[in-house]
Amino acid sequence: MLYRCENEERDQSGGQRGCYDIPAYGKMVYGGLQGVVSVLADLKASGGDLGHPICNNLRAGCWLMGTFL
């Protein structure tokens, strides 16, 4: 739940999925909460740009819970 790398995500899901891929940004480095925290740190470093790909992805729908299932 806190973090897993790409290979651990694939192993846990039987090869069905890896870390979440944010359109126009790329794959999260970690699955779980740490993946989200790392992307939010990038958002903060960009000065809170609401055009950041994670902001666009959040506006597009409810995806976050799917990253933990």
PDB file of N, CA and C in Angstrom:
ATOM      1  N   MET A   1       0.823  -1.196   0.000  1.00  0.00           N
ATOM      2  CA  MET A   1       0.000   0.000   0.000  1.00  0.00           C
ATOM      3  C   MET A   1       0.866   1.257   0.000  1.00  0.00           C
ATOM      4  N   LEU A   2       2.010   1.220   0.682  1.00  0.00           N
ATOM      5  CA  LEU A   2       2.842   2.415   0.728  1.00  0.00           C
ATOM      6  C   LEU A   2       3.660   2.595  -0.538  1.00  0.00           C
ATOM      7  N   TYR A   3       4.353   1.551  -0.954  1.00  0.00           N
ATOM      8  CA  TYR A   3       5.105   1.652  -2.200  1.00  0.00           C
ATOM      9  C   TYR A   3       5.517   0.268  -2.696  1.00  0.00           C
ATOM     10  N   ARG A   4       5.538   0.141  -3.989  1.00  0.00           N
ATOM     11  CA  ARG A   4       6.077  -1.025  -4.680  1.00  0.00           C
ATOM     12  C   ARG A   4       6.612  -0.537  -6.019  1.00  0.00           C
ATOM     13  N   CYS A   5       7.704  -1.142  -6.457  1.00  0.00           N
ATOM     14  CA  CYS A   5       8.252  -0.759  -7.763  1.00  0.00           C
ATOM     15  C   CYS A   5       7.463  -1.448  -8.877  1.00  0.00           C
ATOM     16  N   GLU A   6       7.781  -1.106 -10.103  1.00  0.00           N
ATOM     17  CA  GLU A   6       7.099  -1.647 -11.280  1.00  0.00           C
ATOM     18  C   GLU A   6       7.073  -3.174 -11.278  1.00  0.00           C
ATOM     19  N   ASN A   7       8.222  -3.802 -11.039  1.00  0.00           N
ATOM     20  CA  ASN A   7       8.291  -5.262 -11.066  1.00  0.00           C
ATOM     21  C   ASN A   7       7.449  -5.894  -9.962  1.00  0.00           C
ATOM     22  N   GLU A   8       7.416  -5.290  -8.787  1.00  0.00           N
ATOM     23  CA  GLU A   8       6.588  -5.807  -7.698  1.00  0.00           C
ATOM     24  C   GLU A   8       5.102  -5.676  -8.028  1.00  0.00           C
ATOM     25  N   GLU A   9       4.717  -4.574  -8.663  1.00  0.00           N
ATOM     26  CA  GLU A   9       3.323  -4.396  -9.084  1.00  0.00           C
ATOM     27  C   GLU A   9       2.936  -5.466 -10.099  1.00  0.00           C
ATOM     28  N   ARG A  10       3.812  -5.718 -11.063  1.00  0.00           N
ATOM     29  CA  ARG A  10       3.527  -6.736 -12.076  1.00  0.00           C
ATOM     30  C   ARG A  10       3.459  -8.131 -11.458  1.00  0.00           C
ATOM     31  N   ASP A  11       4.363  -8.423 -10.525  1.00  0.00           N
ATOM     32  CA  ASP A  11       4.366  -9.723  -9.857  1.00  0.00           C
ATOM     33  C   ASP A  11       3.081  -9.926  -9.058  1.00  0.00           C
ATOM     34  N   GLN A  12       2.663  -8.913  -8.326  1.00  0.00           N
ATOM     35  CA  GLN A  12       1.460  -8.988  -7.495  1.00  0.00           C
ATOM     36  C   GLN A  12       0.196  -9.164  -8.330  1.00  0.00           C
ATOM     37  N   SER A  13       0.178  -8.587  -9.526  1.00  0.00           N
ATOM     38  CA  SER A  13      -1.022  -8.646 -10.364  1.00  0.00           C
ATOM     39  C   SER A  13      -0.961  -9.771 -11.402  1.00  0.00           C
ATOM     40  N   GLY A  14       0.024 -10.629 -11.290  1.00  0.00           N
ATOM     41  CA  GLY A  14       0.158 -11.708 -12.278  1.00  0.00           C
ATOM     42  C   GLY A  14       0.531 -11.202 -13.657  1.00  0.00           C
ATOM     43  N   GLY A  15       1.229 -10.076 -13.710  1.00  0.00           N
ATOM     44  CA  GLY A  15       1.652  -9.494 -14.977  1.00  0.00           C
ATOM     45  C   GLY A  15       0.602  -8.638 -15.654  1.00  0.00           C
ATOM     46  N   GLN A  16      -0.535  -8.437 -15.009  1.00  0.00           N
ATOM     47  CA  GLN A  16      -1.641  -7.686 -15.612  1.00  0.00           C
ATOM     48  C   GLN A  16      -1.425  -6.181 -15.646  1.00  0.00           C
ATOM     49  N   ARG A  17      -0.732  -5.639 -14.659  1.00  0.00           N
ATOM     50  CA  ARG A  17      -0.562  -4.184 -14.616  1.00  0.00           C
ATOM     51  C   ARG A  17       0.715  -3.836 -13.867  1.00  0.00           C
ATOM     52  N   GLY A  18       1.176  -2.629 -14.093  1.00  0.00           N
ATOM     53  CA  GLY A  18       2.342  -2.113 -13.389  1.00  0.00           C
ATOM     54  C   GLY A  18       1.941  -0.845 -12.663  1.00  0.00           C
ATOM     55  N   CYS A  19       2.872   0.056 -12.507  1.00  0.00           N
ATOM     56  CA  CYS A  19       2.581   1.332 -11.862  1.00  0.00           C
ATOM     57  C   CYS A  19       1.684   2.172 -12.778  1.00  0.00           C
ATOM     58  N   TYR A  20       0.922   3.055 -12.192  1.00  0.00           N
ATOM     59  CA  TYR A  20      -0.018   3.883 -12.930  1.00  0.00           C
ATOM     60  C   TYR A  20       0.708   4.816 -13.894  1.00  0.00           C
ATOM     61  N   ASP A  21       0.189   4.940 -15.080  1.00  0.00           N
ATOM     62  CA  ASP A  21       0.762   5.800 -16.121  1.00  0.00           C
ATOM     63  C   ASP A  21      -0.114   7.044 -16.265  1.00  0.00           C
ATOM     64  N   ILE A  22       0.462   8.197 -15.975  1.00  0.00           N
ATOM     65  CA  ILE A  22      -0.262   9.460 -16.094  1.00  0.00           C
ATOM     66  C   ILE A  22      -0.027  10.012 -17.493  1.00  0.00           C
ATOM     67  N   PRO A  23      -1.107  10.191 -18.281  1.00  0.00           N
ATOM     68  CA  PRO A  23      -0.942  10.734 -19.625  1.00  0.00           C
ATOM     69  C   PRO A  23      -0.186  12.074 -19.613  1.00  0.00           C
ATOM     70  N   ALA A  24       0.719  12.245 -20.551  1.00  0.00           N
ATOM     71  CA  ALA A  24       1.556  13.445 -20.704  1.00  0.00           C
ATOM     72  C   ALA A  24       2.571  13.613 -19.583  1.00  0.00           C
ATOM     73  N   TYR A  25       2.711  12.599 -18.713  1.00  0.00           N
ATOM     74  CA  TYR A  25       3.693  12.644 -17.625  1.00  0.00           C
ATOM     75  C   TYR A  25       4.550  11.391 -17.646  1.00  0.00           C
ATOM     76  N   GLY A  26       3.920  10.233 -17.703  1.00  0.00           N
ATOM     77  CA  GLY A  26       4.635   8.965 -17.690  1.00  0.00           C
ATOM     78  C   GLY A  26       4.235   8.117 -16.498  1.00  0.00           C
ATOM     79  N   LYS A  27       4.907   6.987 -16.358  1.00  0.00           N
ATOM     80  CA  LYS A  27       4.596   6.072 -15.257  1.00  0.00           C
ATOM     81  C   LYS A  27       5.106   6.627 -13.937  1.00  0.00           C
ATOM     82  N   MET A  28       4.320   6.350 -12.888  1.00  0.00           N
ATOM     83  CA  MET A  28       4.789   6.679 -11.539  1.00  0.00           C
ATOM     84  C   MET A  28       5.968   5.763 -11.233  1.00  0.00           C
ATOM     85  N   VAL A  29       6.943   6.267 -10.489  1.00  0.00           N
ATOM     86  CA  VAL A  29       8.109   5.464 -10.136  1.00  0.00           C
ATOM     87  C   VAL A  29       7.693   4.340  -9.197  1.00  0.00           C
ATOM     88  N   TYR A  30       6.782   4.633  -8.280  1.00  0.00           N
ATOM     89  CA  TYR A  30       6.286   3.643  -7.329  1.00  0.00           C
ATOM     90  C   TYR A  30       4.779   3.523  -7.447  1.00  0.00           C
ATOM     91  N   GLY A  31       4.275   2.333  -7.172  1.00  0.00           N
ATOM     92  CA  GLY A  31       2.850   2.154  -6.994  1.00  0.00           C
ATOM     93  C   GLY A  31       2.524   2.500  -5.548  1.00  0.00           C
ATOM     94  N   GLY A  32       1.284   2.672  -5.222  1.00  0.00           N
ATOM     95  CA  GLY A  32       0.883   2.978  -3.849  1.00  0.00           C
ATOM     96  C   GLY A  32       1.027   4.446  -3.516  1.00  0.00           C
ATOM     97  N   LEU A  33       0.978   4.741  -2.244  1.00  0.00           N
ATOM     98  CA  LEU A  33       0.983   6.134  -1.786  1.00  0.00           C
ATOM     99  C   LEU A  33       2.248   6.883  -2.168  1.00  0.00           C
ATOM    100  N   GLN A  34       3.398   6.211  -2.121  1.00  0.00           N
ATOM    101  CA  GLN A  34       4.643   6.905  -2.442  1.00  0.00           C
ATOM    102  C   GLN A  34       4.658   7.389  -3.886  1.00  0.00           C
ATOM    103  N   GLY A  35       4.042   6.651  -4.775  1.00  0.00           N
ATOM    104  CA  GLY A  35       3.960   7.093  -6.165  1.00  0.00           C
ATOM    105  C   GLY A  35       3.227   8.411  -6.289  1.00  0.00           C
ATOM    106  N   VAL A  36       2.114   8.530  -5.573  1.00  0.00           N
ATOM    107  CA  VAL A  36       1.330   9.765  -5.602  1.00  0.00           C
ATOM    108  C   VAL A  36       2.112  10.901  -4.943  1.00  0.00           C
ATOM    109  N   VAL A  37       2.746  10.618  -3.807  1.00  0.00           N
ATOM    110  CA  VAL A  37       3.508  11.645  -3.100  1.00  0.00           C
ATOM    111  C   VAL A  37       4.638  12.178  -3.980  1.00  0.00           C
ATOM    112  N   SER A  38       5.316  11.293  -4.695  1.00  0.00           N
ATOM    113  CA  SER A  38       6.417  11.727  -5.562  1.00  0.00           C
ATOM    114  C   SER A  38       5.931  12.646  -6.678  1.00  0.00           C
ATOM    115  N   VAL A  39       4.790  12.313  -7.280  1.00  0.00           N
ATOM    116  CA  VAL A  39       4.252  13.160  -8.352  1.00  0.00           C
ATOM    117  C   VAL A  39       3.783  14.497  -7.782  1.00  0.00           C
ATOM    118  N   LEU A  40       3.185  14.477  -6.599  1.00  0.00           N
ATOM    119  CA  LEU A  40       2.759  15.733  -5.969  1.00  0.00           C
ATOM    120  C   LEU A  40       3.955  16.615  -5.615  1.00  0.00           C
ATOM    121  N   ALA A  41       5.091  16.003  -5.292  1.00  0.00           N
ATOM    122  CA  ALA A  41       6.313  16.781  -5.038  1.00  0.00           C
ATOM    123  C   ALA A  41       6.752  17.499  -6.311  1.00  0.00           C
ATOM    124  N   ASP A  42       6.625  16.825  -7.464  1.00  0.00           N
ATOM    125  CA  ASP A  42       6.927  17.471  -8.749  1.00  0.00           C
ATOM    126  C   ASP A  42       5.984  18.642  -8.999  1.00  0.00           C
ATOM    127  N   LEU A  43       4.711  18.454  -8.662  1.00  0.00           N
ATOM    128  CA  LEU A  43       3.718  19.522  -8.821  1.00  0.00           C
ATOM    129  C   LEU A  43       4.096  20.720  -7.954  1.00  0.00           C
ATOM    130  N   LYS A  44       4.479  20.454  -6.727  1.00  0.00           N
ATOM    131  CA  LYS A  44       4.874  21.532  -5.816  1.00  0.00           C
ATOM    132  C   LYS A  44       6.101  22.262  -6.356  1.00  0.00           C
ATOM    133  N   ALA A  45       7.061  21.500  -6.878  1.00  0.00           N
ATOM    134  CA  ALA A  45       8.283  22.109  -7.420  1.00  0.00           C
ATOM    135  C   ALA A  45       7.990  22.968  -8.646  1.00  0.00           C
ATOM    136  N   SER A  46       6.905  22.662  -9.349  1.00  0.00           N
ATOM    137  CA  SER A  46       6.545  23.453 -10.529  1.00  0.00           C
ATOM    138  C   SER A  46       5.797  24.723 -10.146  1.00  0.00           C
ATOM    139  N   GLY A  47       5.667  24.979  -8.860  1.00  0.00           N
ATOM    140  CA  GLY A  47       4.995  26.190  -8.401  1.00  0.00           C
ATOM    141  C   GLY A  47       3.485  26.032  -8.301  1.00  0.00           C
ATOM    142  N   GLY A  48       3.015  24.778  -8.246  1.00  0.00           N
ATOM    143  CA  GLY A  48       1.582  24.551  -8.121  1.00  0.00           C
ATOM    144  C   GLY A  48       0.831  24.786  -9.418  1.00  0.00           C
ATOM    145  N   ASP A  49       1.500  24.536 -10.528  1.00  0.00           N
ATOM    146  CA  ASP A  49       0.916  24.724 -11.852  1.00  0.00           C
ATOM    147  C   ASP A  49      -0.314  23.831 -12.029  1.00  0.00           C
ATOM    148  N   LEU A  50      -1.492  24.421 -12.154  1.00  0.00           N
ATOM    149  CA  LEU A  50      -2.720  23.639 -12.294  1.00  0.00           C
ATOM    150  C   LEU A  50      -2.852  22.996 -13.668  1.00  0.00           C
ATOM    151  N   GLY A  51      -1.925  23.285 -14.565  1.00  0.00           N
ATOM    152  CA  GLY A  51      -1.880  22.631 -15.860  1.00  0.00           C
ATOM    153  C   GLY A  51      -0.963  21.420 -15.845  1.00  0.00           C
ATOM    154  N   HIS A  52      -0.410  21.093 -14.670  1.00  0.00           N
ATOM    155  CA  HIS A  52       0.461  19.924 -14.521  1.00  0.00           C
ATOM    156  C   HIS A  52      -0.320  18.668 -14.910  1.00  0.00           C
ATOM    157  N   PRO A  53       0.322  17.685 -15.535  1.00  0.00           N
ATOM    158  CA  PRO A  53      -0.387  16.485 -15.960  1.00  0.00           C
ATOM    159  C   PRO A  53      -1.185  15.772 -14.858  1.00  0.00           C
ATOM    160  N   ILE A  54      -0.715  15.782 -13.615  1.00  0.00           N
ATOM    161  CA  ILE A  54      -1.495  15.113 -12.567  1.00  0.00           C
ATOM    162  C   ILE A  54      -2.787  15.868 -12.287  1.00  0.00           C
ATOM    163  N   CYS A  55      -2.759  17.186 -12.387  1.00  0.00           N
ATOM    164  CA  CYS A  55      -3.991  17.972 -12.193  1.00  0.00           C
ATOM    165  C   CYS A  55      -4.986  17.661 -13.308  1.00  0.00           C
ATOM    166  N   ASN A  56      -4.490  17.599 -14.532  1.00  0.00           N
ATOM    167  CA  ASN A  56      -5.360  17.256 -15.657  1.00  0.00           C
ATOM    168  C   ASN A  56      -5.941  15.857 -15.486  1.00  0.00           C
ATOM    169  N   ASN A  57      -5.118  14.922 -15.008  1.00  0.00           N
ATOM    170  CA  ASN A  57      -5.569  13.556 -14.816  1.00  0.00           C
ATOM    171  C   ASN A  57      -6.611  13.467 -13.700  1.00  0.00           C
ATOM    172  N   LEU A  58      -6.438  14.235 -12.645  1.00  0.00           N
ATOM    173  CA  LEU A  58      -7.423  14.257 -11.557  1.00  0.00           C
ATOM    174  C   LEU A  58      -8.757  14.818 -12.046  1.00  0.00           C
ATOM    175  N   ARG A  59      -8.702  15.844 -12.887  1.00  0.00           N
ATOM    176  CA  ARG A  59      -9.930  16.429 -13.428  1.00  0.00           C
ATOM    177  C   ARG A  59     -10.649  15.457 -14.366  1.00  0.00           C
ATOM    178  N   ALA A  60      -9.893  14.533 -14.948  1.00  0.00           N
ATOM    179  CA  ALA A  60     -10.475  13.601 -15.914  1.00  0.00           C
ATOM    180  C   ALA A  60     -11.314  12.496 -15.270  1.00  0.00           C
ATOM    181  N   GLY A  61     -11.184  12.276 -13.968  1.00  0.00           N
ATOM    182  CA  GLY A  61     -12.014  11.241 -13.343  1.00  0.00           C
ATOM    183  C   GLY A  61     -11.415  10.641 -12.100  1.00  0.00           C
ATOM    184  N   CYS A  62     -12.110   9.652 -11.582  1.00  0.00           N
ATOM    185  CA  CYS A  62     -11.711   8.968 -10.341  1.00  0.00           C
ATOM    186  C   CYS A  62     -10.772   7.824 -10.660  1.00  0.00           C
ATOM    187  N   TRP A  63      -9.502   8.085 -10.709  1.00  0.00           N
ATOM    188  CA  TRP A  63      -8.531   7.065 -11.046  1.00  0.00           C
ATOM    189  C   TRP A  63      -7.765   6.585  -9.829  1.00  0.00           C
ATOM    190  N   LEU A  64      -7.666   7.392  -8.807  1.00  0.00           N
ATOM    191  CA  LEU A  64      -6.747   7.117  -7.703  1.00  0.00           C
ATOM    192  C   LEU A  64      -7.037   5.811  -6.998  1.00  0.00           C
ATOM    193  N   MET A  65      -8.286   5.492  -6.727  1.00  0.00           N
ATOM    194  CA  MET A  65      -8.579   4.245  -6.024  1.00  0.00           C
ATOM    195  C   MET A  65      -8.180   3.028  -6.852  1.00  0.00           C
ATOM    196  N   GLY A  66      -8.244   3.156  -8.156  1.00  0.00           N
ATOM    197  CA  GLY A  66      -7.847   2.053  -9.017  1.00  0.00           C
ATOM    198  C   GLY A  66      -6.368   1.707  -8.903  1.00  0.00           C
ATOM    199  N   THR A  67      -5.549   2.651  -8.447  1.00  0.00           N
ATOM    200  CA  THR A  67      -4.120   2.377  -8.317  1.00  0.00           C
ATOM    201  C   THR A  67      -3.837   1.519  -7.104  1.00  0.00           C
ATOM    202  N   PHE A  68      -4.791   1.401  -6.183  1.00  0.00           N
ATOM    203  CA  PHE A  68      -4.566   0.624  -4.969  1.00  0.00           C
ATOM    204  C   PHE A  68      -5.320  -0.692  -4.955  1.00  0.00           C
ATOM    205  N   LEU A  69      -6.056  -0.995  -6.007  1.00  0.00           N
ATOM    206  CA  LEU A  69      -6.827  -2.250  -6.051  1.00  0.00           C
ATOM    207  C   LEU A  69      -6.028  -3.362  -6.647  1.00  0.00           C
TER     208      LEU A  69
END
